[in-house]
Amino acid sequence: MTLDPDFCRSLMFLPADNERFRNSALRGSADIIILDLEDAIPASKKDRVRDGIQSAIHDIAEANRICAVRINSGLRLLGKDLEAVICPGLSALTIPKVPSAELLKMIDETVSDLESERDIPVGNIRLIAQIETATGLQNINDIARSTPRLAAIGIGSEDLAADLGSQAEKEILYYPSMQVLIAARSAGIVPLGYLGSITVYNETDTYRGWIQQARKFGFEGAFCIHPRQVEILNEEFLPSADEVAEAETLIKAFEAHKEKGIGAFTVDDRMVDAPVIDRARRILKRNHNRR
């Protein structure tokens, strides 16, 4: 299946070799299932897990679900990973610890070669970038515009905090998260994130509050590690009934004024112009993808 950037509410990591977790994820509702070859797999097991990963990708694709793989960041491991995972059924690659636009451009080139060799439409496999270092933050604007393959971008809160020598807490994550949000919006890609730690999944009220705040900021989805987080992400990043009704009203008013040659107008004492209508259309599109 092809990754739809407007349908990236919940991106759930699971160890690439854990069949039980994979079957659980297939029973669940994560928008994107990410098989993790990086942190979840120790160095001693990576070769063995690579040998069986195409079977796991196939199982997820056969269930009509979006499958991504998080590959390793070191160049030697990255090359082995790409050779192993590029196959029909793979929708995206999640790239951790992205330091620069150059890395994503190199991956883009390599994936294009592998797609051509393996009868996959060139450009079909998208990229999802994780910003997890100070260097990545410094280069965030170039990274966000690096390649048309890039569909979404977000920080890895725990790794970034470790690189900064700080804690993964709200006050500390605010500035880097907003850097990512602004860069993503400027580049026209999906901003992922919230002001909290991905490791928090039992404190559901706390987690839900983080996600509600993230949506107000403008984020559209987030990485997660547990089914409890998936349900909250799917609920909170979906447009509300009131938002959908308002968007429908705005679109109808826009069409009526367009016929009269009017570009800007008011609805309920609110000025409506092109950016407002663009947002309304996006809300309706995301609502159309409701599960």
C-alpha atoms as a PDB file:
ATOM      1  CA  MET A   1       0.000   0.000   0.000  1.00  0.00           C
ATOM      2  CA  THR A   2       1.052   3.583  -0.611  1.00  0.00           C
ATOM      3  CA  LEU A   3       1.627   5.824   2.389  1.00  0.00           C
ATOM      4  CA  ASP A   4      -0.856   8.711   2.524  1.00  0.00           C
ATOM      5  CA  PRO A   5       0.750  11.718   4.261  1.00  0.00           C
ATOM      6  CA  ASP A   6      -2.706  12.835   5.435  1.00  0.00           C
ATOM      7  CA  PHE A   7      -3.085   9.587   7.351  1.00  0.00           C
ATOM      8  CA  CYS A   8      -0.107   9.547   9.716  1.00  0.00           C
ATOM      9  CA  ARG A   9      -1.704   9.871  13.143  1.00  0.00           C
ATOM     10  CA  SER A  10      -0.085   6.867  14.815  1.00  0.00           C
ATOM     11  CA  LEU A  11       3.275   5.368  13.828  1.00  0.00           C
ATOM     12  CA  MET A  12       3.970   2.372  16.065  1.00  0.00           C
ATOM     13  CA  PHE A  13       7.406   0.802  16.498  1.00  0.00           C
ATOM     14  CA  LEU A  14       7.774  -2.906  17.172  1.00  0.00           C
ATOM     15  CA  PRO A  15      10.817  -5.199  17.077  1.00  0.00           C
ATOM     16  CA  ALA A  16      11.245  -6.485  13.541  1.00  0.00           C
ATOM     17  CA  ASP A  17      11.621 -10.074  14.747  1.00  0.00           C
ATOM     18  CA  ASN A  18       8.716 -10.257  17.211  1.00  0.00           C
ATOM     19  CA  GLU A  19       5.878 -12.156  15.547  1.00  0.00           C
ATOM     20  CA  ARG A  20       3.600 -11.894  18.585  1.00  0.00           C
ATOM     21  CA  PHE A  21       3.869  -8.106  18.635  1.00  0.00           C
ATOM     22  CA  ARG A  22       3.384  -8.016  14.867  1.00  0.00           C
ATOM     23  CA  ASN A  23       0.175 -10.050  15.076  1.00  0.00           C
ATOM     24  CA  SER A  24      -1.041  -7.788  17.871  1.00  0.00           C
ATOM     25  CA  ALA A  25      -0.306  -4.718  15.743  1.00  0.00           C
ATOM     26  CA  LEU A  26      -2.264  -6.229  12.851  1.00  0.00           C
ATOM     27  CA  ARG A  27      -5.263  -6.602  15.154  1.00  0.00           C
ATOM     28  CA  GLY A  28      -4.843  -2.994  16.216  1.00  0.00           C
ATOM     29  CA  SER A  29      -5.373   0.268  14.389  1.00  0.00           C
ATOM     30  CA  ALA A  30      -1.992   1.977  14.031  1.00  0.00           C
ATOM     31  CA  ASP A  31      -1.888   3.971  10.807  1.00  0.00           C
ATOM     32  CA  ILE A  32       1.703   2.878  10.173  1.00  0.00           C
ATOM     33  CA  ILE A  33       3.389  -0.246  11.566  1.00  0.00           C
ATOM     34  CA  ILE A  34       7.148   0.293  11.823  1.00  0.00           C
ATOM     35  CA  LEU A  35       9.351  -2.798  11.990  1.00  0.00           C
ATOM     36  CA  ASP A  36      12.375  -1.676  13.991  1.00  0.00           C
ATOM     37  CA  LEU A  37      15.811  -2.853  12.870  1.00  0.00           C
ATOM     38  CA  GLU A  38      17.590  -0.201  14.933  1.00  0.00           C
ATOM     39  CA  ASP A  39      17.216   0.092  18.714  1.00  0.00           C
ATOM     40  CA  ALA A  40      15.016  -2.996  19.116  1.00  0.00           C
ATOM     41  CA  ILE A  41      17.537  -5.395  17.554  1.00  0.00           C
ATOM     42  CA  PRO A  42      20.977  -5.962  19.148  1.00  0.00           C
ATOM     43  CA  ALA A  43      24.026  -5.974  16.871  1.00  0.00           C
ATOM     44  CA  SER A  44      24.485  -9.730  17.280  1.00  0.00           C
ATOM     45  CA  LYS A  45      20.997 -10.423  15.825  1.00  0.00           C
ATOM     46  CA  LYS A  46      20.751  -7.869  13.014  1.00  0.00           C
ATOM     47  CA  ASP A  47      21.961 -10.171  10.207  1.00  0.00           C
ATOM     48  CA  ARG A  48      19.529 -12.929  11.193  1.00  0.00           C
ATOM     49  CA  VAL A  49      16.602 -10.519  11.493  1.00  0.00           C
ATOM     50  CA  ARG A  50      17.374  -8.991   8.084  1.00  0.00           C
ATOM     51  CA  ASP A  51      17.118 -12.459   6.537  1.00  0.00           C
ATOM     52  CA  GLY A  52      13.474 -12.775   7.593  1.00  0.00           C
ATOM     53  CA  ILE A  53      12.231  -9.220   7.369  1.00  0.00           C
ATOM     54  CA  GLN A  54      10.733  -9.404   3.874  1.00  0.00           C
ATOM     55  CA  SER A  55       8.363 -12.093   5.126  1.00  0.00           C
ATOM     56  CA  ALA A  56       7.208  -9.767   7.909  1.00  0.00           C
ATOM     57  CA  ILE A  57       6.758  -6.908   5.417  1.00  0.00           C
ATOM     58  CA  HIS A  58       4.719  -9.200   3.191  1.00  0.00           C
ATOM     59  CA  ASP A  59       2.428 -10.232   6.078  1.00  0.00           C
ATOM     60  CA  ILE A  60       1.674  -6.599   6.927  1.00  0.00           C
ATOM     61  CA  ALA A  61       1.091  -5.632   3.294  1.00  0.00           C
ATOM     62  CA  GLU A  62      -1.177  -8.659   2.766  1.00  0.00           C
ATOM     63  CA  ALA A  63      -3.331  -7.349   5.603  1.00  0.00           C
ATOM     64  CA  ASN A  64      -3.690  -4.062   3.656  1.00  0.00           C
ATOM     65  CA  ARG A  65      -1.738  -2.144   6.260  1.00  0.00           C
ATOM     66  CA  ILE A  66       1.014   0.435   5.824  1.00  0.00           C
ATOM     67  CA  CYS A  67       4.413  -1.063   6.628  1.00  0.00           C
ATOM     68  CA  ALA A  68       7.583   0.918   7.311  1.00  0.00           C
ATOM     69  CA  VAL A  69      10.997  -0.232   8.498  1.00  0.00           C
ATOM     70  CA  ARG A  70      13.264   1.776  10.756  1.00  0.00           C
ATOM     71  CA  ILE A  71      16.765   1.175   9.472  1.00  0.00           C
ATOM     72  CA  ASN A  72      20.091   1.818  11.200  1.00  0.00           C
ATOM     73  CA  SER A  73      21.920   5.124  10.966  1.00  0.00           C
ATOM     74  CA  GLY A  74      25.533   3.980  10.517  1.00  0.00           C
ATOM     75  CA  LEU A  75      26.490   3.750   6.839  1.00  0.00           C
ATOM     76  CA  ARG A  76      27.677   0.119   6.949  1.00  0.00           C
ATOM     77  CA  LEU A  77      24.495  -1.078   8.641  1.00  0.00           C
ATOM     78  CA  LEU A  78      22.325   1.256   6.581  1.00  0.00           C
ATOM     79  CA  GLY A  79      23.579  -0.246   3.323  1.00  0.00           C
ATOM     80  CA  LYS A  80      22.857  -3.795   4.500  1.00  0.00           C
ATOM     81  CA  ASP A  81      19.422  -2.744   5.689  1.00  0.00           C
ATOM     82  CA  LEU A  82      18.442  -1.175   2.372  1.00  0.00           C
ATOM     83  CA  GLU A  83      19.500  -4.269   0.444  1.00  0.00           C
ATOM     84  CA  ALA A  84      17.423  -6.415   2.797  1.00  0.00           C
ATOM     85  CA  VAL A  85      14.202  -4.423   3.124  1.00  0.00           C
ATOM     86  CA  ILE A  86      13.462  -2.831  -0.267  1.00  0.00           C
ATOM     87  CA  CYS A  87      10.737  -5.070  -1.648  1.00  0.00           C
ATOM     88  CA  PRO A  88       7.119  -4.957  -2.844  1.00  0.00           C
ATOM     89  CA  GLY A  89       4.855  -4.212   0.104  1.00  0.00           C
ATOM     90  CA  LEU A  90       7.205  -1.777   1.818  1.00  0.00           C
ATOM     91  CA  SER A  91       5.588   1.651   2.056  1.00  0.00           C
ATOM     92  CA  ALA A  92       8.250   3.684   3.860  1.00  0.00           C
ATOM     93  CA  LEU A  93      11.611   3.826   5.567  1.00  0.00           C
ATOM     94  CA  THR A  94      12.017   5.526   8.928  1.00  0.00           C
ATOM     95  CA  ILE A  95      15.461   7.105   9.163  1.00  0.00           C
ATOM     96  CA  PRO A  96      16.780   7.698  12.703  1.00  0.00           C
ATOM     97  CA  LYS A  97      19.284  10.319  13.824  1.00  0.00           C
ATOM     98  CA  VAL A  98      19.189  12.223  10.525  1.00  0.00           C
ATOM     99  CA  PRO A  99      22.109  14.690  10.629  1.00  0.00           C
ATOM    100  CA  SER A 100      21.768  16.369   7.246  1.00  0.00           C
ATOM    101  CA  ALA A 101      19.919  16.646   3.955  1.00  0.00           C
ATOM    102  CA  GLU A 102      22.837  14.871   2.263  1.00  0.00           C
ATOM    103  CA  LEU A 103      22.084  11.605   4.057  1.00  0.00           C
ATOM    104  CA  LEU A 104      18.457  11.584   2.875  1.00  0.00           C
ATOM    105  CA  LYS A 105      19.519  12.442  -0.680  1.00  0.00           C
ATOM    106  CA  MET A 106      21.942   9.512  -0.657  1.00  0.00           C
ATOM    107  CA  ILE A 107      19.238   7.170   0.649  1.00  0.00           C
ATOM    108  CA  ASP A 108      16.840   8.490  -1.997  1.00  0.00           C
ATOM    109  CA  GLU A 109      19.342   7.686  -4.745  1.00  0.00           C
ATOM    110  CA  THR A 110      20.020   4.195  -3.422  1.00  0.00           C
ATOM    111  CA  VAL A 111      16.338   3.395  -2.969  1.00  0.00           C
ATOM    112  CA  SER A 112      15.624   4.546  -6.530  1.00  0.00           C
ATOM    113  CA  ASP A 113      18.260   2.111  -7.847  1.00  0.00           C
ATOM    114  CA  LEU A 114      16.819  -0.743  -5.780  1.00  0.00           C
ATOM    115  CA  GLU A 115      13.243   0.054  -6.808  1.00  0.00           C
ATOM    116  CA  SER A 116      14.270  -0.064 -10.477  1.00  0.00           C
ATOM    117  CA  GLU A 117      16.062  -3.383 -10.001  1.00  0.00           C
ATOM    118  CA  ARG A 118      13.128  -4.912  -8.123  1.00  0.00           C
ATOM    119  CA  ASP A 119      10.220  -3.776 -10.317  1.00  0.00           C
ATOM    120  CA  ILE A 120       8.879  -1.276  -7.791  1.00  0.00           C
ATOM    121  CA  PRO A 121       7.627   2.088  -9.126  1.00  0.00           C
ATOM    122  CA  VAL A 122      10.420   4.597  -8.524  1.00  0.00           C
ATOM    123  CA  GLY A 123       9.461   6.962  -5.724  1.00  0.00           C
ATOM    124  CA  ASN A 124       6.860   4.615  -4.264  1.00  0.00           C
ATOM    125  CA  ILE A 125       8.753   4.081  -1.003  1.00  0.00           C
ATOM    126  CA  ARG A 126       8.544   7.210   1.146  1.00  0.00           C
ATOM    127  CA  LEU A 127      10.873   8.435   3.902  1.00  0.00           C
ATOM    128  CA  ILE A 128      10.054   9.426   7.489  1.00  0.00           C
ATOM    129  CA  ALA A 129      12.848  11.317   9.257  1.00  0.00           C
ATOM    130  CA  GLN A 130      13.664  11.356  12.961  1.00  0.00           C
ATOM    131  CA  ILE A 131      15.624  14.316  14.304  1.00  0.00           C
ATOM    132  CA  GLU A 132      17.556  13.074  17.334  1.00  0.00           C
ATOM    133  CA  THR A 133      20.725  15.159  17.542  1.00  0.00           C
ATOM    134  CA  ALA A 134      21.758  18.785  17.902  1.00  0.00           C
ATOM    135  CA  THR A 135      23.317  18.576  14.430  1.00  0.00           C
ATOM    136  CA  GLY A 136      20.026  17.457  12.950  1.00  0.00           C
ATOM    137  CA  LEU A 137      18.237  20.372  14.586  1.00  0.00           C
ATOM    138  CA  GLN A 138      20.775  22.820  13.165  1.00  0.00           C
ATOM    139  CA  ASN A 139      20.082  21.437   9.674  1.00  0.00           C
ATOM    140  CA  ILE A 140      16.328  20.992  10.060  1.00  0.00           C
ATOM    141  CA  ASN A 141      15.220  23.301   7.239  1.00  0.00           C
ATOM    142  CA  ASP A 142      17.509  21.670   4.661  1.00  0.00           C
ATOM    143  CA  ILE A 143      16.494  18.211   5.886  1.00  0.00           C
ATOM    144  CA  ALA A 144      12.783  18.996   5.542  1.00  0.00           C
ATOM    145  CA  ARG A 145      13.320  20.035   1.895  1.00  0.00           C
ATOM    146  CA  SER A 146      15.861  17.351   0.999  1.00  0.00           C
ATOM    147  CA  THR A 147      13.820  15.010  -1.218  1.00  0.00           C
ATOM    148  CA  PRO A 148      10.254  14.566  -2.557  1.00  0.00           C
ATOM    149  CA  ARG A 149      10.289  11.125  -0.909  1.00  0.00           C
ATOM    150  CA  LEU A 150      10.167  12.715   2.534  1.00  0.00           C
ATOM    151  CA  ALA A 151       6.599  12.442   3.831  1.00  0.00           C
ATOM    152  CA  ALA A 152       6.940  13.286   7.523  1.00  0.00           C
ATOM    153  CA  ILE A 153       9.433  14.423  10.129  1.00  0.00           C
ATOM    154  CA  GLY A 154       9.562  14.418  13.919  1.00  0.00           C
ATOM    155  CA  ILE A 155      11.962  14.396  16.828  1.00  0.00           C
ATOM    156  CA  GLY A 156      13.004  11.306  18.774  1.00  0.00           C
ATOM    157  CA  SER A 157      12.486  12.764  22.235  1.00  0.00           C
ATOM    158  CA  GLU A 158      14.629  10.372  24.269  1.00  0.00           C
ATOM    159  CA  ASP A 159      17.600  10.294  21.893  1.00  0.00           C
ATOM    160  CA  LEU A 160      17.484  14.045  21.340  1.00  0.00           C
ATOM    161  CA  ALA A 161      17.372  14.748  25.077  1.00  0.00           C
ATOM    162  CA  ALA A 162      20.345  12.431  25.586  1.00  0.00           C
ATOM    163  CA  ASP A 163      22.328  14.199  22.846  1.00  0.00           C
ATOM    164  CA  LEU A 164      21.508  17.583  24.382  1.00  0.00           C
ATOM    165  CA  GLY A 165      22.393  16.369  27.870  1.00  0.00           C
ATOM    166  CA  SER A 166      18.877  17.177  29.082  1.00  0.00           C
ATOM    167  CA  GLN A 167      15.664  15.446  30.155  1.00  0.00           C
ATOM    168  CA  ALA A 168      12.762  14.570  27.836  1.00  0.00           C
ATOM    169  CA  GLU A 169      10.452  17.066  29.533  1.00  0.00           C
ATOM    170  CA  LYS A 170       7.871  19.516  28.204  1.00  0.00           C
ATOM    171  CA  GLU A 171       9.815  22.733  28.746  1.00  0.00           C
ATOM    172  CA  ILE A 172      12.963  21.316  27.136  1.00  0.00           C
ATOM    173  CA  LEU A 173      11.201  19.703  24.155  1.00  0.00           C
ATOM    174  CA  TYR A 174       9.175  22.811  23.253  1.00  0.00           C
ATOM    175  CA  TYR A 175      11.849  24.636  21.239  1.00  0.00           C
ATOM    176  CA  PRO A 176      13.114  21.675  19.147  1.00  0.00           C
ATOM    177  CA  SER A 177       9.548  20.499  18.552  1.00  0.00           C
ATOM    178  CA  MET A 178       8.522  23.893  17.224  1.00  0.00           C
ATOM    179  CA  GLN A 179      11.619  23.995  15.014  1.00  0.00           C
ATOM    180  CA  VAL A 180      10.494  20.710  13.459  1.00  0.00           C
ATOM    181  CA  LEU A 181       6.887  21.902  13.122  1.00  0.00           C
ATOM    182  CA  ILE A 182       7.859  25.127  11.349  1.00  0.00           C
ATOM    183  CA  ALA A 183      10.346  23.374   9.036  1.00  0.00           C
ATOM    184  CA  ALA A 184       7.781  20.702   8.145  1.00  0.00           C
ATOM    185  CA  ARG A 185       5.045  23.229   7.371  1.00  0.00           C
ATOM    186  CA  SER A 186       7.436  25.314   5.288  1.00  0.00           C
ATOM    187  CA  ALA A 187       8.407  22.225   3.266  1.00  0.00           C
ATOM    188  CA  GLY A 188       4.853  20.907   2.923  1.00  0.00           C
ATOM    189  CA  ILE A 189       5.405  17.677   4.839  1.00  0.00           C
ATOM    190  CA  VAL A 190       3.709  16.182   7.909  1.00  0.00           C
ATOM    191  CA  PRO A 191       4.939  17.364  11.340  1.00  0.00           C
ATOM    192  CA  LEU A 192       5.063  14.604  13.972  1.00  0.00           C
ATOM    193  CA  GLY A 193       5.478  15.066  17.699  1.00  0.00           C
ATOM    194  CA  TYR A 194       4.325  16.128  21.143  1.00  0.00           C
ATOM    195  CA  LEU A 195       5.943  17.546  24.274  1.00  0.00           C
ATOM    196  CA  GLY A 196       6.624  14.370  26.226  1.00  0.00           C
ATOM    197  CA  SER A 197       8.416  11.039  26.338  1.00  0.00           C
ATOM    198  CA  ILE A 198       7.493   8.148  24.055  1.00  0.00           C
ATOM    199  CA  THR A 199       8.083   5.793  27.004  1.00  0.00           C
ATOM    200  CA  VAL A 200       4.950   7.000  28.828  1.00  0.00           C
ATOM    201  CA  TYR A 201       2.079   4.641  27.962  1.00  0.00           C
ATOM    202  CA  ASN A 202       0.488   3.678  31.289  1.00  0.00           C
ATOM    203  CA  GLU A 203      -0.354   7.268  32.314  1.00  0.00           C
ATOM    204  CA  THR A 204      -3.103   7.662  29.728  1.00  0.00           C
ATOM    205  CA  ASP A 205      -4.510  10.964  31.044  1.00  0.00           C
ATOM    206  CA  THR A 206      -1.065  12.565  30.926  1.00  0.00           C
ATOM    207  CA  TYR A 207      -0.419  11.196  27.460  1.00  0.00           C
ATOM    208  CA  ARG A 208      -3.803  12.336  26.143  1.00  0.00           C
ATOM    209  CA  GLY A 209      -3.133  15.834  27.457  1.00  0.00           C
ATOM    210  CA  TRP A 210       0.188  15.931  25.590  1.00  0.00           C
ATOM    211  CA  ILE A 211      -1.509  14.892  22.341  1.00  0.00           C
ATOM    212  CA  GLN A 212      -4.361  17.377  22.700  1.00  0.00           C
ATOM    213  CA  GLN A 213      -1.801  20.140  23.162  1.00  0.00           C
ATOM    214  CA  ALA A 214       0.267  18.884  20.202  1.00  0.00           C
ATOM    215  CA  ARG A 215      -2.765  19.051  17.936  1.00  0.00           C
ATOM    216  CA  LYS A 216      -3.397  22.660  18.975  1.00  0.00           C
ATOM    217  CA  PHE A 217       0.199  23.466  18.042  1.00  0.00           C
ATOM    218  CA  GLY A 218      -0.313  21.963  14.573  1.00  0.00           C
ATOM    219  CA  PHE A 219       1.168  18.469  14.773  1.00  0.00           C
ATOM    220  CA  GLU A 220      -0.687  15.749  12.890  1.00  0.00           C
ATOM    221  CA  GLY A 221       0.643  12.501  14.357  1.00  0.00           C
ATOM    222  CA  ALA A 222       3.358  10.918  16.468  1.00  0.00           C
ATOM    223  CA  PHE A 223       5.593   7.918  16.978  1.00  0.00           C
ATOM    224  CA  CYS A 224       4.494   5.443  19.654  1.00  0.00           C
ATOM    225  CA  ILE A 225       5.361   2.062  21.164  1.00  0.00           C
ATOM    226  CA  HIS A 226       2.137   0.751  22.723  1.00  0.00           C
ATOM    227  CA  PRO A 227      -1.476   0.044  21.647  1.00  0.00           C
ATOM    228  CA  ARG A 228      -2.777   2.385  24.385  1.00  0.00           C
ATOM    229  CA  GLN A 229      -0.898   5.234  22.743  1.00  0.00           C
ATOM    230  CA  VAL A 230      -2.234   4.245  19.316  1.00  0.00           C
ATOM    231  CA  GLU A 231      -5.859   4.626  20.392  1.00  0.00           C
ATOM    232  CA  ILE A 232      -5.230   8.050  21.909  1.00  0.00           C
ATOM    233  CA  LEU A 233      -3.311   9.268  18.851  1.00  0.00           C
ATOM    234  CA  ASN A 234      -6.012   8.069  16.470  1.00  0.00           C
ATOM    235  CA  GLU A 235      -8.754   9.748  18.481  1.00  0.00           C
ATOM    236  CA  GLU A 236      -7.043  13.045  19.199  1.00  0.00           C
ATOM    237  CA  PHE A 237      -5.503  13.625  15.757  1.00  0.00           C
ATOM    238  CA  LEU A 238      -8.816  13.008  13.991  1.00  0.00           C
ATOM    239  CA  PRO A 239     -10.889  16.109  13.188  1.00  0.00           C
ATOM    240  CA  SER A 240     -13.796  16.605  15.595  1.00  0.00           C
ATOM    241  CA  ALA A 241     -17.415  16.626  14.425  1.00  0.00           C
ATOM    242  CA  ASP A 242     -17.537  20.399  14.998  1.00  0.00           C
ATOM    243  CA  GLU A 243     -14.397  20.941  12.898  1.00  0.00           C
ATOM    244  CA  VAL A 244     -15.837  18.844  10.070  1.00  0.00           C
ATOM    245  CA  ALA A 245     -19.159  20.712  10.153  1.00  0.00           C
ATOM    246  CA  GLU A 246     -17.362  24.073  10.100  1.00  0.00           C
ATOM    247  CA  ALA A 247     -15.124  22.966   7.227  1.00  0.00           C
ATOM    248  CA  GLU A 248     -18.134  21.840   5.193  1.00  0.00           C
ATOM    249  CA  THR A 249     -19.827  25.205   5.800  1.00  0.00           C
ATOM    250  CA  LEU A 250     -16.710  27.096   4.709  1.00  0.00           C
ATOM    251  CA  ILE A 251     -16.300  25.053   1.527  1.00  0.00           C
ATOM    252  CA  LYS A 252     -19.948  25.598   0.551  1.00  0.00           C
ATOM    253  CA  ALA A 253     -19.614  29.336   1.162  1.00  0.00           C
ATOM    254  CA  PHE A 254     -16.388  29.410  -0.829  1.00  0.00           C
ATOM    255  CA  GLU A 255     -17.997  27.712  -3.836  1.00  0.00           C
ATOM    256  CA  ALA A 256     -20.926  30.139  -3.736  1.00  0.00           C
ATOM    257  CA  HIS A 257     -18.662  33.205  -3.578  1.00  0.00           C
ATOM    258  CA  LYS A 258     -16.324  31.787  -6.213  1.00  0.00           C
ATOM    259  CA  GLU A 259     -19.179  31.745  -8.729  1.00  0.00           C
ATOM    260  CA  LYS A 260     -19.609  35.474  -8.075  1.00  0.00           C
ATOM    261  CA  GLY A 261     -15.895  36.145  -8.507  1.00  0.00           C
ATOM    262  CA  ILE A 262     -15.352  36.884  -4.810  1.00  0.00           C
ATOM    263  CA  GLY A 263     -12.105  35.569  -3.314  1.00  0.00           C
ATOM    264  CA  ALA A 264     -12.362  36.744   0.294  1.00  0.00           C
ATOM    265  CA  PHE A 265     -15.564  36.949   2.354  1.00  0.00           C
ATOM    266  CA  THR A 266     -16.884  36.548   5.894  1.00  0.00           C
ATOM    267  CA  VAL A 267     -18.652  33.695   7.632  1.00  0.00           C
ATOM    268  CA  ASP A 268     -19.960  34.256  11.186  1.00  0.00           C
ATOM    269  CA  ASP A 269     -17.921  37.469  11.457  1.00  0.00           C
ATOM    270  CA  ARG A 270     -14.733  35.667  10.439  1.00  0.00           C
ATOM    271  CA  MET A 271     -12.754  36.538   7.328  1.00  0.00           C
ATOM    272  CA  VAL A 272     -12.322  33.603   4.970  1.00  0.00           C
ATOM    273  CA  ASP A 273      -9.643  33.498   2.286  1.00  0.00           C
ATOM    274  CA  ALA A 274      -7.428  30.932   0.531  1.00  0.00           C
ATOM    275  CA  PRO A 275      -5.424  29.696   3.580  1.00  0.00           C
ATOM    276  CA  VAL A 276      -8.634  29.149   5.568  1.00  0.00           C
ATOM    277  CA  ILE A 277     -10.150  27.154   2.714  1.00  0.00           C
ATOM    278  CA  ASP A 278      -6.970  25.094   2.321  1.00  0.00           C
ATOM    279  CA  ARG A 279      -7.207  24.130   5.993  1.00  0.00           C
ATOM    280  CA  ALA A 280     -10.893  23.264   5.611  1.00  0.00           C
ATOM    281  CA  ARG A 281     -10.149  20.987   2.661  1.00  0.00           C
ATOM    282  CA  ARG A 282      -7.391  19.260   4.629  1.00  0.00           C
ATOM    283  CA  ILE A 283      -9.771  18.658   7.535  1.00  0.00           C
ATOM    284  CA  LEU A 284     -12.334  17.068   5.216  1.00  0.00           C
ATOM    285  CA  LYS A 285      -9.713  14.906   3.564  1.00  0.00           C
ATOM    286  CA  ARG A 286      -8.459  13.641   6.907  1.00  0.00           C
ATOM    287  CA  ASN A 287     -12.013  13.017   8.064  1.00  0.00           C
ATOM    288  CA  HIS A 288     -12.653  11.002   4.888  1.00  0.00           C
ATOM    289  CA  ASN A 289      -9.935   8.617   6.100  1.00  0.00           C
ATOM    290  CA  ARG A 290     -11.821   7.973   9.346  1.00  0.00           C
ATOM    291  CA  ARG A 291     -11.655   4.366  10.571  1.00  0.00           C
END
